[in-house]
Amino acid sequence: MKILLKLSYLGTGYCGYQVQANGVTVQEKLNEAAQALFGHPCDIVGCSRTDSGVHANEFCAAVSRKGETGLQTGIPIGRLPLAFSAHLPPDISVFDAVWVNEDFHPRYDVCEKEYLYRIYNRPVRSPFEEGRSCHIPRPITDCDLARMQEAAAYFVGTHDFSAYMASGSKITDPVRTVFGSVLERQGDVILYRVRANGFLYHMVRILAGTLLAVAEGRLEPDDIPAVTASRDRSRAGITMPAEGLYLNRVVYPGHLFRTGKENR
């Protein structure tokens, strides 16, 4: 069996999730923690490749012994989150662990992901929001927000999202199904929440940038279907900064999880 970890992290100090040569990554820290905990190298496969500066409220990663398909440990599964977190820096925390079958894949078995994009909307920046939201000083009024929500609804459904994919991306199938696309205001923070069966490179940040273009009057809400149909990246909005983006939730089919006393 493998162990599926659920973790959260603040991505400010990392060059994304995936191990790479040019900087410290979340996966690197997980690898170090797993080796310290289990006493041998492990393979840790994540559900996504979040970019540099992107955060996660819920990120999933499967752990197996390096070179093998499974993992054995005498540590009770319920104690693994605390044991893992003891070996991790304070900006990464494991909050849940469950057994899964050896053929489980944390990326390919996903049926839905939810991302949040966080906009801090006050004239003066906040030190408490620095690196954790995108600061937009120009007031976004309730009327602007209503226009943004009207536009966001057009993203729902199955579409070719090429217009909202980073230029130069090597993805060959840009069709995705968006299940939900909504905005809400929480005090000085505007949250954009989007759920889909998958996302293209920079897709959420470009969707958020397109909604900002609607708020600023550079696009009308009913322009969105034509922008989407054009598959032309230049017709959509800017790519918003990574600091406002959070992977918020990852959903798997329930039958993939082990049940019973082994997950207590």
Protein backbone atom coordinates (compact mmCIF):
# COMPACT_ATOMS: atom_id res chain seq x y z
CA MET A 1 0.00 0.00 0.00
CA LYS A 2 0.92 3.68 -0.33
CA ILE A 3 0.22 6.52 2.06
CA LEU A 4 -1.68 9.54 0.78
CA LEU A 5 -0.73 12.73 2.61
CA LYS A 6 -2.86 15.85 2.73
CA LEU A 7 -0.81 18.96 3.38
CA SER A 8 -0.95 22.71 3.29
CA TYR A 9 1.88 25.11 2.58
CA LEU A 10 2.78 28.72 2.11
CA GLY A 11 4.54 28.83 -1.24
CA THR A 12 6.31 32.18 -0.82
CA GLY A 13 9.72 30.70 -0.08
CA TYR A 14 9.62 27.86 -2.63
CA CYS A 15 10.21 27.42 -6.35
CA GLY A 16 6.94 25.53 -6.64
CA TYR A 17 6.19 21.93 -5.68
CA GLN A 18 8.34 19.90 -8.09
CA VAL A 19 12.01 19.21 -7.30
CA GLN A 20 14.30 21.28 -9.52
CA ALA A 21 17.93 22.31 -9.63
CA ASN A 22 17.53 26.07 -9.31
CA GLY A 23 15.84 26.40 -5.93
CA VAL A 24 14.21 24.88 -2.86
CA THR A 25 10.85 23.18 -3.47
CA VAL A 26 8.05 21.69 -1.39
CA GLN A 27 8.71 18.20 -2.76
CA GLU A 28 12.35 18.44 -1.69
CA LYS A 29 11.30 19.19 1.90
CA LEU A 30 8.79 16.31 1.85
CA ASN A 31 11.50 13.94 0.59
CA GLU A 32 13.81 14.97 3.41
CA ALA A 33 11.06 14.56 6.01
CA ALA A 34 10.06 11.12 4.70
CA GLN A 35 13.63 9.82 4.78
CA ALA A 36 14.10 11.09 8.33
CA LEU A 37 10.81 9.52 9.42
CA PHE A 38 10.99 6.13 7.66
CA GLY A 39 14.77 5.68 7.56
CA HIS A 40 15.03 5.21 3.78
CA PRO A 41 14.49 7.26 0.58
CA CYS A 42 10.91 7.55 -0.65
CA ASP A 43 9.13 8.44 -3.87
CA ILE A 44 6.63 11.23 -3.25
CA VAL A 45 4.29 12.04 -6.13
CA GLY A 46 2.11 15.16 -5.93
CA CYS A 47 -1.35 15.90 -7.30
CA SER A 48 -0.16 19.02 -9.12
CA ARG A 49 2.91 21.06 -10.04
CA THR A 50 2.18 24.36 -8.35
CA ASP A 51 4.35 27.25 -9.55
CA SER A 52 6.82 29.33 -7.59
CA GLY A 53 4.98 31.42 -4.99
CA VAL A 54 1.68 29.52 -5.25
CA HIS A 55 0.12 28.29 -1.99
CA ALA A 56 -1.99 25.27 -1.03
CA ASN A 57 -4.75 24.87 1.53
CA GLU A 58 -5.03 21.23 0.51
CA PHE A 59 -2.40 19.43 -1.55
CA CYS A 60 -2.23 15.65 -1.91
CA ALA A 61 0.89 13.53 -2.30
CA ALA A 62 1.38 9.73 -2.33
CA VAL A 63 4.37 8.19 -0.55
CA SER A 64 6.02 4.87 -1.41
CA ARG A 65 9.46 3.42 -0.74
CA LYS A 66 11.91 4.46 -3.47
CA GLY A 67 12.06 1.84 -6.21
CA GLU A 68 8.99 0.02 -4.90
CA THR A 69 5.24 0.37 -5.34
CA GLY A 70 4.32 0.44 -1.66
CA LEU A 71 5.46 1.36 1.82
CA GLN A 72 5.59 -0.28 5.23
CA THR A 73 5.77 1.49 8.58
CA GLY A 74 5.11 0.67 12.19
CA ILE A 75 3.84 4.21 12.86
CA PRO A 76 0.02 4.23 13.25
CA ILE A 77 -1.55 6.10 10.34
CA GLY A 78 -3.32 8.50 12.70
CA ARG A 79 0.01 9.66 14.13
CA LEU A 80 1.72 10.24 10.79
CA PRO A 81 0.60 13.87 10.28
CA LEU A 82 2.19 14.97 13.56
CA ALA A 83 5.27 12.80 12.92
CA PHE A 84 5.72 14.24 9.41
CA SER A 85 5.17 17.83 10.49
CA ALA A 86 7.86 17.47 13.16
CA HIS A 87 10.40 17.07 10.32
CA LEU A 88 9.04 19.88 8.12
CA PRO A 89 9.64 23.66 8.16
CA PRO A 90 6.87 25.81 9.69
CA ASP A 91 5.46 26.84 6.29
CA ILE A 92 4.60 23.21 5.35
CA SER A 93 2.21 21.08 7.41
CA VAL A 94 0.78 17.57 6.91
CA PHE A 95 -2.73 17.49 8.38
CA ASP A 96 -4.05 14.07 7.28
CA ALA A 97 -2.79 10.66 6.11
CA VAL A 98 -4.65 7.62 4.76
CA TRP A 99 -3.69 4.28 3.21
CA VAL A 100 -4.40 3.87 -0.50
CA ASN A 101 -3.86 1.01 -2.92
CA GLU A 102 -0.53 0.63 -4.70
CA ASP A 103 -2.01 1.57 -8.08
CA PHE A 104 -3.34 4.90 -6.75
CA HIS A 105 -1.97 7.98 -8.57
CA PRO A 106 -2.51 11.35 -6.88
CA ARG A 107 -2.53 13.26 -10.17
CA TYR A 108 -4.26 10.99 -12.67
CA ASP A 109 -6.97 9.76 -10.30
CA VAL A 110 -8.24 13.26 -9.48
CA CYS A 111 -11.84 13.91 -10.49
CA GLU A 112 -12.00 17.55 -9.38
CA LYS A 113 -9.73 20.35 -8.16
CA GLU A 114 -10.69 23.68 -6.68
CA TYR A 115 -8.52 26.77 -6.76
CA LEU A 116 -8.93 30.11 -5.02
CA TYR A 117 -7.59 33.40 -6.26
CA ARG A 118 -7.31 36.01 -3.52
CA ILE A 119 -7.40 39.77 -4.23
CA TYR A 120 -6.72 42.29 -1.46
CA ASN A 121 -8.69 45.38 -2.44
CA ARG A 122 -7.67 48.46 -0.47
CA PRO A 123 -5.75 51.59 -1.54
CA VAL A 124 -2.92 50.83 0.90
CA ARG A 125 -1.23 47.43 1.06
CA SER A 126 -1.32 45.31 4.21
CA PRO A 127 1.84 43.70 5.63
CA PHE A 128 -0.34 40.75 6.70
CA GLU A 129 -1.45 40.13 3.10
CA GLU A 130 2.02 40.55 1.58
CA GLY A 131 2.86 37.46 -0.47
CA ARG A 132 -0.53 35.92 0.32
CA SER A 133 -2.83 37.88 -1.98
CA CYS A 134 -2.70 40.11 -5.05
CA HIS A 135 -3.00 43.75 -4.05
CA ILE A 136 -5.37 45.75 -6.28
CA PRO A 137 -5.50 49.33 -4.91
CA ARG A 138 -8.25 50.62 -7.23
CA PRO A 139 -11.66 50.11 -5.57
CA ILE A 140 -13.68 47.22 -6.98
CA THR A 141 -17.26 48.28 -6.33
CA ASP A 142 -20.26 46.04 -5.79
CA CYS A 143 -21.29 46.89 -9.37
CA ASP A 144 -17.86 45.83 -10.62
CA LEU A 145 -18.14 42.61 -8.63
CA ALA A 146 -21.54 41.87 -10.14
CA ARG A 147 -20.05 42.31 -13.63
CA MET A 148 -17.19 39.99 -12.71
CA GLN A 149 -19.64 37.36 -11.48
CA GLU A 150 -21.68 37.62 -14.68
CA ALA A 151 -18.49 37.06 -16.67
CA ALA A 152 -17.29 34.22 -14.43
CA ALA A 153 -20.47 32.25 -15.09
CA TYR A 154 -19.52 31.99 -18.78
CA PHE A 155 -16.51 29.85 -17.86
CA VAL A 156 -18.74 27.04 -16.57
CA GLY A 157 -19.06 24.07 -18.92
CA THR A 158 -16.82 22.08 -21.25
CA HIS A 159 -14.72 24.36 -23.46
CA ASP A 160 -11.43 24.65 -25.24
CA PHE A 161 -9.63 26.98 -22.81
CA SER A 162 -6.65 27.78 -25.09
CA ALA A 163 -7.33 31.52 -24.67
CA TYR A 164 -6.60 31.12 -20.95
CA MET A 165 -3.46 29.01 -21.25
CA ALA A 166 0.10 30.35 -20.99
CA SER A 167 1.69 31.05 -24.36
CA GLY A 168 4.16 28.36 -25.33
CA SER A 169 2.50 25.66 -23.23
CA LYS A 170 3.04 22.14 -24.58
CA ILE A 171 -0.40 20.86 -23.53
CA THR A 172 -2.02 19.31 -26.61
CA ASP A 173 -5.56 18.86 -25.26
CA PRO A 174 -6.84 22.21 -23.93
CA VAL A 175 -10.43 21.04 -23.34
CA ARG A 176 -11.49 21.18 -19.69
CA THR A 177 -14.80 21.08 -17.82
CA VAL A 178 -15.41 23.83 -15.28
CA PHE A 179 -18.00 22.88 -12.65
CA GLY A 180 -18.18 26.15 -10.75
CA SER A 181 -16.89 29.72 -11.12
CA VAL A 182 -17.94 32.24 -8.47
CA LEU A 183 -16.74 35.35 -6.65
CA GLU A 184 -17.41 36.64 -3.17
CA ARG A 185 -16.29 39.57 -1.06
CA GLN A 186 -15.02 39.02 2.47
CA GLY A 187 -14.28 42.46 3.90
CA ASP A 188 -11.34 43.84 1.94
CA VAL A 189 -10.69 40.52 0.20
CA ILE A 190 -12.29 39.31 -3.03
CA LEU A 191 -12.13 35.56 -3.56
CA TYR A 192 -12.47 33.90 -6.93
CA ARG A 193 -13.30 30.21 -6.57
CA VAL A 194 -13.15 27.86 -9.57
CA ARG A 195 -13.70 24.08 -9.72
CA ALA A 196 -12.83 21.87 -12.70
CA ASN A 197 -11.77 18.40 -13.76
CA GLY A 198 -8.37 19.85 -14.59
CA PHE A 199 -6.55 23.09 -15.38
CA LEU A 200 -4.14 24.32 -18.04
CA TYR A 201 -0.83 26.02 -17.29
CA HIS A 202 -1.58 29.43 -15.66
CA MET A 203 -5.29 28.95 -16.42
CA VAL A 204 -6.67 30.15 -13.09
CA ARG A 205 -4.39 33.17 -13.00
CA ILE A 206 -5.48 34.13 -16.53
CA LEU A 207 -9.17 33.59 -15.73
CA ALA A 208 -8.73 35.90 -12.74
CA GLY A 209 -6.92 38.44 -14.93
CA THR A 210 -9.77 38.32 -17.44
CA LEU A 211 -12.30 39.00 -14.67
CA LEU A 212 -10.19 41.95 -13.54
CA ALA A 213 -10.32 43.27 -17.12
CA VAL A 214 -14.13 43.11 -16.85
CA ALA A 215 -14.06 45.03 -13.55
CA GLU A 216 -11.86 47.68 -15.17
CA GLY A 217 -14.17 48.03 -18.20
CA ARG A 218 -11.69 46.68 -20.74
CA LEU A 219 -14.02 43.74 -21.41
CA GLU A 220 -17.77 43.31 -21.09
CA PRO A 221 -19.19 40.22 -19.39
CA ASP A 222 -20.85 39.06 -22.59
CA ASP A 223 -17.48 39.29 -24.42
CA ILE A 224 -16.32 36.14 -22.60
CA PRO A 225 -17.91 33.55 -24.94
CA ALA A 226 -16.22 35.16 -27.95
CA VAL A 227 -12.86 35.33 -26.14
CA THR A 228 -13.15 31.64 -25.25
CA ALA A 229 -14.21 30.64 -28.77
CA SER A 230 -11.29 32.58 -30.30
CA ARG A 231 -8.71 30.36 -28.53
CA ASP A 232 -6.51 33.47 -28.77
CA ARG A 233 -4.42 34.16 -25.65
CA SER A 234 -4.03 37.84 -26.56
CA ARG A 235 -7.79 38.45 -26.21
CA ALA A 236 -7.94 37.33 -22.57
CA GLY A 237 -6.71 39.21 -19.51
CA ILE A 238 -3.29 39.36 -17.91
CA THR A 239 -1.70 36.51 -15.98
CA MET A 240 -2.25 37.51 -12.36
CA PRO A 241 0.65 37.17 -9.87
CA ALA A 242 1.29 33.75 -8.35
CA GLU A 243 1.03 35.06 -4.78
CA GLY A 244 -2.77 35.24 -4.90
CA LEU A 245 -3.31 31.62 -5.98
CA TYR A 246 -4.19 28.70 -3.69
CA LEU A 247 -4.90 25.07 -4.49
CA ASN A 248 -7.88 24.72 -2.17
CA ARG A 249 -9.34 21.23 -2.52
CA VAL A 250 -8.60 17.95 -4.33
CA VAL A 251 -11.36 15.38 -4.85
CA TYR A 252 -10.91 11.67 -5.60
CA PRO A 253 -13.47 8.90 -6.16
CA GLY A 254 -14.26 7.40 -2.77
CA HIS A 255 -13.63 3.81 -3.84
CA LEU A 256 -9.89 4.50 -4.21
CA PHE A 257 -9.38 4.80 -0.47
CA ARG A 258 -8.74 2.02 1.98
CA THR A 259 -11.35 1.71 4.72
CA GLY A 260 -11.43 0.14 8.16
CA LYS A 261 -9.02 0.00 11.09
CA GLU A 262 -5.91 0.50 8.94
CA ASN A 263 -6.92 4.16 8.42
CA ARG A 264 -7.74 4.89 12.04
